C-alpha atoms as a PDB file:
ATOM      1  CA  UNK A   1      46.076  33.030 -29.600  1.00  0.00           C
ATOM      2  CA  UNK A   2      43.505  31.029 -31.563  1.00  0.00           C
ATOM      3  CA  UNK A   3      39.775  31.008 -30.873  1.00  0.00           C
ATOM      4  CA  UNK A   4      40.000  27.342 -29.906  1.00  0.00           C
ATOM      5  CA  UNK A   5      42.549  28.133 -27.195  1.00  0.00           C
ATOM      6  CA  UNK A   6      40.220  30.685 -25.595  1.00  0.00           C
ATOM      7  CA  UNK A   7      36.874  28.813 -25.534  1.00  0.00           C
ATOM      8  CA  UNK A   8      35.494  30.795 -22.609  1.00  0.00           C
ATOM      9  CA  UNK A   9      35.553  33.975 -24.726  1.00  0.00           C
ATOM     10  CA  UNK A  10      32.750  32.696 -26.953  1.00  0.00           C
ATOM     11  CA  UNK A  11      31.085  29.988 -24.831  1.00  0.00           C
ATOM     12  CA  UNK A  12      30.238  32.180 -21.832  1.00  0.00           C
ATOM     13  CA  UNK A  13      28.127  34.656 -23.835  1.00  0.00           C
ATOM     14  CA  UNK A  14      26.152  31.745 -25.287  1.00  0.00           C
ATOM     15  CA  UNK A  15      25.537  30.296 -21.826  1.00  0.00           C
ATOM     16  CA  UNK A  16      24.409  33.687 -20.505  1.00  0.00           C
ATOM     17  CA  UNK A  17      22.064  34.122 -23.453  1.00  0.00           C
ATOM     18  CA  UNK A  18      20.589  30.648 -22.947  1.00  0.00           C
ATOM     19  CA  UNK A  19      20.002  31.331 -19.259  1.00  0.00           C
ATOM     20  CA  UNK A  20      18.326  34.638 -20.049  1.00  0.00           C
ATOM     21  CA  UNK A  21      16.076  32.945 -22.604  1.00  0.00           C
ATOM     22  CA  UNK A  22      15.178  30.243 -20.098  1.00  0.00           C
ATOM     23  CA  UNK A  23      14.262  32.836 -17.442  1.00  0.00           C
ATOM     24  CA  UNK A  24      12.124  34.652 -20.001  1.00  0.00           C
ATOM     25  CA  UNK A  25      10.387  31.371 -20.934  1.00  0.00           C
ATOM     26  CA  UNK A  26       9.573  30.578 -17.305  1.00  0.00           C
ATOM     27  CA  UNK A  27       8.137  34.050 -16.737  1.00  0.00           C
ATOM     28  CA  UNK A  28       6.214  34.125 -19.998  1.00  0.00           C
ATOM     29  CA  UNK A  29       4.581  30.679 -19.741  1.00  0.00           C
ATOM     30  CA  UNK A  30       4.821  29.186 -16.239  1.00  0.00           C
ATOM     31  CA  UNK A  31       2.396  26.355 -17.067  1.00  0.00           C
ATOM     32  CA  UNK A  32       4.549  25.175 -19.964  1.00  0.00           C
ATOM     33  CA  UNK A  33       7.663  25.616 -17.850  1.00  0.00           C
ATOM     34  CA  UNK A  34       6.194  23.453 -15.095  1.00  0.00           C
ATOM     35  CA  UNK A  35       5.200  20.766 -17.605  1.00  0.00           C
ATOM     36  CA  UNK A  36       8.686  20.814 -19.099  1.00  0.00           C
ATOM     37  CA  UNK A  37      10.310  20.488 -15.689  1.00  0.00           C
ATOM     38  CA  UNK A  38       8.048  17.570 -14.738  1.00  0.00           C
ATOM     39  CA  UNK A  39       8.880  15.868 -18.027  1.00  0.00           C
ATOM     40  CA  UNK A  40      12.588  16.378 -17.398  1.00  0.00           C
ATOM     41  CA  UNK A  41      12.307  14.831 -13.937  1.00  0.00           C
ATOM     42  CA  UNK A  42      10.259  11.901 -15.252  1.00  0.00           C
ATOM     43  CA  UNK A  43      12.868  11.264 -17.942  1.00  0.00           C
ATOM     44  CA  UNK A  44      15.649  11.304 -15.359  1.00  0.00           C
ATOM     45  CA  UNK A  45      13.712   8.873 -13.167  1.00  0.00           C
ATOM     46  CA  UNK A  46      13.181   6.544 -16.144  1.00  0.00           C
ATOM     47  CA  UNK A  47      16.865   6.689 -17.097  1.00  0.00           C
ATOM     48  CA  UNK A  48      17.898   5.913 -13.522  1.00  0.00           C
ATOM     49  CA  UNK A  49      15.495   2.958 -13.446  1.00  0.00           C
ATOM     50  CA  UNK A  50      16.900   1.536 -16.681  1.00  0.00           C
ATOM     51  CA  UNK A  51      20.471   1.955 -15.490  1.00  0.00           C
ATOM     52  CA  UNK A  52      19.714   0.236 -12.200  1.00  0.00           C
ATOM     53  CA  UNK A  53      17.340  -2.549 -13.282  1.00  0.00           C
ATOM     54  CA  UNK A  54      17.590  -3.189 -17.034  1.00  0.00           C
ATOM     55  CA  UNK A  55      21.254  -3.687 -17.810  1.00  0.00           C
ATOM     56  CA  UNK A  56      20.491  -6.980 -19.577  1.00  0.00           C
ATOM     57  CA  UNK A  57      17.393  -5.757 -21.439  1.00  0.00           C
ATOM     58  CA  UNK A  58      17.390  -4.874 -25.128  1.00  0.00           C
ATOM     59  CA  UNK A  59      16.827  -1.322 -26.350  1.00  0.00           C
ATOM     60  CA  UNK A  60      14.385  -1.013 -29.250  1.00  0.00           C
ATOM     61  CA  UNK A  61      14.091   2.040 -31.466  1.00  0.00           C
ATOM     62  CA  UNK A  62      10.268   2.173 -31.450  1.00  0.00           C
ATOM     63  CA  UNK A  63       7.187   0.454 -30.077  1.00  0.00           C
ATOM     64  CA  UNK A  64       6.668  -1.747 -33.145  1.00  0.00           C
ATOM     65  CA  UNK A  65      10.169  -3.181 -33.106  1.00  0.00           C
ATOM     66  CA  UNK A  66       9.699  -3.670 -29.373  1.00  0.00           C
ATOM     67  CA  UNK A  67       6.430  -5.565 -29.844  1.00  0.00           C
ATOM     68  CA  UNK A  68       8.074  -7.874 -32.380  1.00  0.00           C
ATOM     69  CA  UNK A  69      11.051  -8.548 -30.104  1.00  0.00           C
ATOM     70  CA  UNK A  70       8.829  -9.224 -27.102  1.00  0.00           C
ATOM     71  CA  UNK A  71       6.324 -11.367 -28.993  1.00  0.00           C
ATOM     72  CA  UNK A  72       9.070 -13.690 -30.229  1.00  0.00           C
ATOM     73  CA  UNK A  73      10.004 -14.343 -26.586  1.00  0.00           C
ATOM     74  CA  UNK A  74       6.491 -15.515 -25.649  1.00  0.00           C
ATOM     75  CA  UNK A  75       5.307 -19.149 -25.546  1.00  0.00           C
ATOM     76  CA  UNK A  76       3.850 -20.316 -28.849  1.00  0.00           C
ATOM     77  CA  UNK A  77       0.561 -21.490 -27.336  1.00  0.00           C
ATOM     78  CA  UNK A  78      -1.909 -19.759 -25.059  1.00  0.00           C
ATOM     79  CA  UNK A  79      -3.987 -16.601 -25.248  1.00  0.00           C
ATOM     80  CA  UNK A  80      -2.511 -13.556 -27.004  1.00  0.00           C
ATOM     81  CA  UNK A  81      -4.322 -10.467 -25.747  1.00  0.00           C
ATOM     82  CA  UNK A  82      -4.244  -6.697 -26.132  1.00  0.00           C
ATOM     83  CA  UNK A  83      -5.937  -4.219 -23.820  1.00  0.00           C
ATOM     84  CA  UNK A  84      -6.419  -0.806 -25.412  1.00  0.00           C
ATOM     85  CA  UNK A  85      -6.903  -1.221 -29.164  1.00  0.00           C
ATOM     86  CA  UNK A  86      -7.959   2.292 -30.200  1.00  0.00           C
ATOM     87  CA  UNK A  87      -7.464   2.386 -33.995  1.00  0.00           C
ATOM     88  CA  UNK A  88      -5.740  -0.976 -34.099  1.00  0.00           C
ATOM     89  CA  UNK A  89      -2.166  -0.118 -35.150  1.00  0.00           C
ATOM     90  CA  UNK A  90      -0.332  -2.288 -32.606  1.00  0.00           C
ATOM     91  CA  UNK A  91      -2.805  -5.179 -32.700  1.00  0.00           C
ATOM     92  CA  UNK A  92      -2.645  -5.209 -36.482  1.00  0.00           C
ATOM     93  CA  UNK A  93       1.157  -5.310 -36.252  1.00  0.00           C
ATOM     94  CA  UNK A  94       1.025  -8.307 -33.916  1.00  0.00           C
ATOM     95  CA  UNK A  95      -1.522 -10.128 -36.070  1.00  0.00           C
ATOM     96  CA  UNK A  96       0.684  -9.686 -39.130  1.00  0.00           C
ATOM     97  CA  UNK A  97       3.686 -10.847 -37.107  1.00  0.00           C
ATOM     98  CA  UNK A  98       2.025 -14.257 -36.667  1.00  0.00           C
ATOM     99  CA  UNK A  99      -0.899 -14.798 -39.090  1.00  0.00           C
ATOM    100  CA  UNK A 100      -1.410 -18.381 -37.885  1.00  0.00           C
ATOM    101  CA  UNK A 101      -2.215 -17.292 -34.339  1.00  0.00           C
ATOM    102  CA  UNK A 102      -5.440 -15.849 -32.952  1.00  0.00           C
ATOM    103  CA  UNK A 103      -5.324 -12.500 -31.143  1.00  0.00           C
ATOM    104  CA  UNK A 104      -7.997 -10.906 -28.989  1.00  0.00           C
ATOM    105  CA  UNK A 105      -8.250  -7.143 -28.491  1.00  0.00           C
ATOM    106  CA  UNK A 106     -10.254  -5.445 -25.733  1.00  0.00           C
ATOM    107  CA  UNK A 107     -11.464  -1.850 -25.886  1.00  0.00           C
ATOM    108  CA  UNK A 108     -14.570   0.213 -25.159  1.00  0.00           C
ATOM    109  CA  UNK A 109     -13.960   2.223 -28.341  1.00  0.00           C
ATOM    110  CA  UNK A 110     -15.572   5.071 -26.405  1.00  0.00           C
ATOM    111  CA  UNK A 111     -12.566   6.567 -24.665  1.00  0.00           C
ATOM    112  CA  UNK A 112     -11.256   6.071 -21.151  1.00  0.00           C
ATOM    113  CA  UNK A 113     -13.408   5.154 -18.134  1.00  0.00           C
ATOM    114  CA  UNK A 114     -12.003   8.211 -16.311  1.00  0.00           C
ATOM    115  CA  UNK A 115      -9.648  11.137 -16.886  1.00  0.00           C
ATOM    116  CA  UNK A 116      -5.966  10.290 -17.311  1.00  0.00           C
ATOM    117  CA  UNK A 117      -4.548  12.011 -14.228  1.00  0.00           C
ATOM    118  CA  UNK A 118      -1.381  14.007 -14.790  1.00  0.00           C
ATOM    119  CA  UNK A 119      -1.896  14.256 -18.544  1.00  0.00           C
ATOM    120  CA  UNK A 120      -3.940  16.404 -20.871  1.00  0.00           C
ATOM    121  CA  UNK A 121      -6.206  13.466 -21.734  1.00  0.00           C
ATOM    122  CA  UNK A 122      -9.791  13.381 -20.487  1.00  0.00           C
ATOM    123  CA  UNK A 123     -12.176  10.462 -20.497  1.00  0.00           C
ATOM    124  CA  UNK A 124     -13.239  11.546 -24.000  1.00  0.00           C
ATOM    125  CA  UNK A 125      -9.804  11.082 -25.515  1.00  0.00           C
ATOM    126  CA  UNK A 126      -9.397   7.934 -27.638  1.00  0.00           C
ATOM    127  CA  UNK A 127     -13.177   7.927 -28.172  1.00  0.00           C
ATOM    128  CA  UNK A 128     -13.850   6.631 -31.686  1.00  0.00           C
ATOM    129  CA  UNK A 129     -17.601   6.659 -31.220  1.00  0.00           C
ATOM    130  CA  UNK A 130     -17.836   2.924 -30.709  1.00  0.00           C
ATOM    131  CA  UNK A 131     -16.474   2.249 -34.175  1.00  0.00           C
ATOM    132  CA  UNK A 132     -14.201  -0.803 -34.246  1.00  0.00           C
ATOM    133  CA  UNK A 133     -11.248  -0.785 -36.662  1.00  0.00           C
ATOM    134  CA  UNK A 134     -10.953  -3.194 -39.558  1.00  0.00           C
ATOM    135  CA  UNK A 135      -8.606  -5.983 -38.519  1.00  0.00           C
ATOM    136  CA  UNK A 136      -7.003  -9.105 -40.050  1.00  0.00           C
ATOM    137  CA  UNK A 137      -8.989 -12.344 -39.951  1.00  0.00           C
ATOM    138  CA  UNK A 138      -6.964 -13.720 -37.025  1.00  0.00           C
ATOM    139  CA  UNK A 139      -8.125 -10.916 -34.703  1.00  0.00           C
ATOM    140  CA  UNK A 140     -11.241 -10.911 -32.520  1.00  0.00           C
ATOM    141  CA  UNK A 141     -12.319  -7.615 -30.949  1.00  0.00           C
ATOM    142  CA  UNK A 142     -14.178  -7.475 -27.637  1.00  0.00           C
ATOM    143  CA  UNK A 143     -16.208  -4.288 -27.258  1.00  0.00           C
ATOM    144  CA  UNK A 144     -16.875  -2.895 -23.772  1.00  0.00           C
ATOM    145  CA  UNK A 145     -15.320  -1.838 -20.465  1.00  0.00           C
ATOM    146  CA  UNK A 146     -12.679  -4.202 -19.114  1.00  0.00           C
ATOM    147  CA  UNK A 147     -14.434  -4.796 -15.790  1.00  0.00           C
ATOM    148  CA  UNK A 148     -17.406  -6.189 -17.693  1.00  0.00           C
ATOM    149  CA  UNK A 149     -15.813  -7.980 -20.644  1.00  0.00           C
ATOM    150  CA  UNK A 150     -12.646  -9.521 -19.194  1.00  0.00           C
ATOM    151  CA  UNK A 151     -14.241 -11.622 -16.399  1.00  0.00           C
ATOM    152  CA  UNK A 152     -16.787 -12.986 -18.861  1.00  0.00           C
ATOM    153  CA  UNK A 153     -14.081 -13.774 -21.412  1.00  0.00           C
ATOM    154  CA  UNK A 154     -11.981 -15.631 -18.834  1.00  0.00           C
ATOM    155  CA  UNK A 155     -14.995 -17.714 -17.772  1.00  0.00           C
ATOM    156  CA  UNK A 156     -15.515 -18.745 -21.382  1.00  0.00           C
ATOM    157  CA  UNK A 157     -11.870 -19.536 -22.132  1.00  0.00           C
ATOM    158  CA  UNK A 158      -9.745 -21.975 -20.175  1.00  0.00           C
ATOM    159  CA  UNK A 159      -6.320 -21.385 -21.786  1.00  0.00           C
ATOM    160  CA  UNK A 160      -3.594 -19.506 -19.918  1.00  0.00           C
ATOM    161  CA  UNK A 161      -2.380 -16.173 -21.275  1.00  0.00           C
ATOM    162  CA  UNK A 162       1.075 -16.288 -22.851  1.00  0.00           C
ATOM    163  CA  UNK A 163       1.305 -12.817 -24.409  1.00  0.00           C
ATOM    164  CA  UNK A 164      -0.396  -9.657 -23.144  1.00  0.00           C
ATOM    165  CA  UNK A 165       0.000  -6.133 -24.512  1.00  0.00           C
ATOM    166  CA  UNK A 166      -1.292  -3.623 -21.950  1.00  0.00           C
ATOM    167  CA  UNK A 167      -2.039  -0.170 -23.358  1.00  0.00           C
ATOM    168  CA  UNK A 168      -4.714   0.842 -20.849  1.00  0.00           C
ATOM    169  CA  UNK A 169      -3.246   4.331 -20.260  1.00  0.00           C
ATOM    170  CA  UNK A 170      -4.619   4.753 -16.744  1.00  0.00           C
ATOM    171  CA  UNK A 171      -3.676   3.110 -13.445  1.00  0.00           C
ATOM    172  CA  UNK A 172      -7.109   1.736 -12.525  1.00  0.00           C
ATOM    173  CA  UNK A 173      -7.564  -0.117 -15.832  1.00  0.00           C
ATOM    174  CA  UNK A 174      -4.019  -1.521 -15.788  1.00  0.00           C
ATOM    175  CA  UNK A 175      -4.484  -2.707 -12.206  1.00  0.00           C
ATOM    176  CA  UNK A 176      -7.812  -4.328 -13.108  1.00  0.00           C
ATOM    177  CA  UNK A 177      -6.296  -6.258 -16.031  1.00  0.00           C
ATOM    178  CA  UNK A 178      -3.280  -7.457 -14.059  1.00  0.00           C
ATOM    179  CA  UNK A 179      -5.358  -8.639 -11.110  1.00  0.00           C
ATOM    180  CA  UNK A 180      -7.864 -10.422 -13.367  1.00  0.00           C
ATOM    181  CA  UNK A 181      -5.037 -12.291 -15.129  1.00  0.00           C
ATOM    182  CA  UNK A 182      -3.001 -13.096 -12.003  1.00  0.00           C
ATOM    183  CA  UNK A 183      -4.023 -16.751 -11.905  1.00  0.00           C
ATOM    184  CA  UNK A 184      -4.101 -17.204 -15.677  1.00  0.00           C
ATOM    185  CA  UNK A 185      -0.548 -16.377 -16.728  1.00  0.00           C
ATOM    186  CA  UNK A 186       1.442 -19.167 -18.343  1.00  0.00           C
ATOM    187  CA  UNK A 187       5.001 -19.783 -17.232  1.00  0.00           C
ATOM    188  CA  UNK A 188       7.119 -17.574 -19.456  1.00  0.00           C
ATOM    189  CA  UNK A 189       4.197 -15.269 -20.251  1.00  0.00           C
ATOM    190  CA  UNK A 190       5.343 -11.981 -21.779  1.00  0.00           C
ATOM    191  CA  UNK A 191       3.738  -8.701 -20.729  1.00  0.00           C
ATOM    192  CA  UNK A 192       4.317  -5.536 -22.745  1.00  0.00           C
ATOM    193  CA  UNK A 193       3.383  -2.212 -21.143  1.00  0.00           C
ATOM    194  CA  UNK A 194       2.848   0.781 -23.400  1.00  0.00           C
ATOM    195  CA  UNK A 195       3.263   3.069 -20.375  1.00  0.00           C
ATOM    196  CA  UNK A 196       5.685   1.704 -17.808  1.00  0.00           C
ATOM    197  CA  UNK A 197       8.136   4.320 -16.600  1.00  0.00           C
ATOM    198  CA  UNK A 198       6.781   6.511 -13.805  1.00  0.00           C
ATOM    199  CA  UNK A 199       3.713   4.236 -13.539  1.00  0.00           C
ATOM    200  CA  UNK A 200       3.402   2.023 -10.473  1.00  0.00           C
ATOM    201  CA  UNK A 201       0.782  -0.614 -11.385  1.00  0.00           C
ATOM    202  CA  UNK A 202       3.139  -3.404 -12.498  1.00  0.00           C
ATOM    203  CA  UNK A 203       5.619  -3.096  -9.646  1.00  0.00           C
ATOM    204  CA  UNK A 204       2.826  -3.067  -7.057  1.00  0.00           C
ATOM    205  CA  UNK A 205       1.144  -6.085  -8.659  1.00  0.00           C
ATOM    206  CA  UNK A 206       4.263  -8.225  -9.152  1.00  0.00           C
ATOM    207  CA  UNK A 207       5.305  -7.569  -5.554  1.00  0.00           C
ATOM    208  CA  UNK A 208       1.962  -8.928  -4.350  1.00  0.00           C
ATOM    209  CA  UNK A 209       1.985 -11.809  -6.838  1.00  0.00           C
ATOM    210  CA  UNK A 210       5.411 -12.971  -5.754  1.00  0.00           C
ATOM    211  CA  UNK A 211       6.425 -14.513  -9.090  1.00  0.00           C
ATOM    212  CA  UNK A 212       9.912 -13.966 -10.533  1.00  0.00           C
ATOM    213  CA  UNK A 213      10.278 -11.871 -13.674  1.00  0.00           C
ATOM    214  CA  UNK A 214      12.928 -10.548 -16.016  1.00  0.00           C
ATOM    215  CA  UNK A 215      12.993  -7.449 -18.191  1.00  0.00           C
ATOM    216  CA  UNK A 216      13.137  -8.234 -21.901  1.00  0.00           C
ATOM    217  CA  UNK A 217      13.299  -4.853 -23.625  1.00  0.00           C
ATOM    218  CA  UNK A 218      12.429  -1.176 -23.424  1.00  0.00           C
ATOM    219  CA  UNK A 219      11.720   1.642 -25.884  1.00  0.00           C
ATOM    220  CA  UNK A 220      10.699   5.133 -24.903  1.00  0.00           C
ATOM    221  CA  UNK A 221       7.815   4.619 -22.466  1.00  0.00           C
ATOM    222  CA  UNK A 222       7.394   0.897 -23.239  1.00  0.00           C
ATOM    223  CA  UNK A 223       8.778  -2.045 -21.269  1.00  0.00           C
ATOM    224  CA  UNK A 224       8.353  -5.798 -21.696  1.00  0.00           C
ATOM    225  CA  UNK A 225       8.804  -8.459 -19.025  1.00  0.00           C
ATOM    226  CA  UNK A 226       8.786 -12.250 -18.870  1.00  0.00           C
ATOM    227  CA  UNK A 227       6.958 -13.811 -15.933  1.00  0.00           C
ATOM    228  CA  UNK A 228       8.573 -16.889 -14.396  1.00  0.00           C
END
């Protein structure tokens, strides 16, 4: 009898060995084991959400392809904003996507306003010492905390927002941005969230806002939506 006809003879020892290794891992490093299990559950929750709610959305291989796909779905006029610039990689990508359009990026450039709960990031992560990255000529950077800079910016500008990239990392900042923009979103405005799955800010906000929306695309943690 061939090996192929008796698969259990060689598969079962491998399964037993894998289980033994897993038990050893859990005993040796329970903190890492807990983190791995939480990540596995979060991934399952994200996959279930996609399967249930995003059957018509596009899958993109990375965040940059996703940004390009989502940006091309946004209205051609109106404010194009990013919240959470850090070193400027995604904002630079958007600016090069459409050199004729003006983009505005908001960031404190001094880290997060509070610790990122549930992650290893503290309020000092993403702190670049206040140093703003070099950007293309069609980008304006707004330095400071969102609760101070965004209301002032909206008082000075009357245009609706038509494209918004939200990479705020933490719930409180994402909630602040969404609530501040609630009355300033153009019909067809596209929102791109750098952290969407397992984060509740958007779903809470859109439920209160009561406007229709459709999912455009997803990639890893990122999701884009069009507001009706």
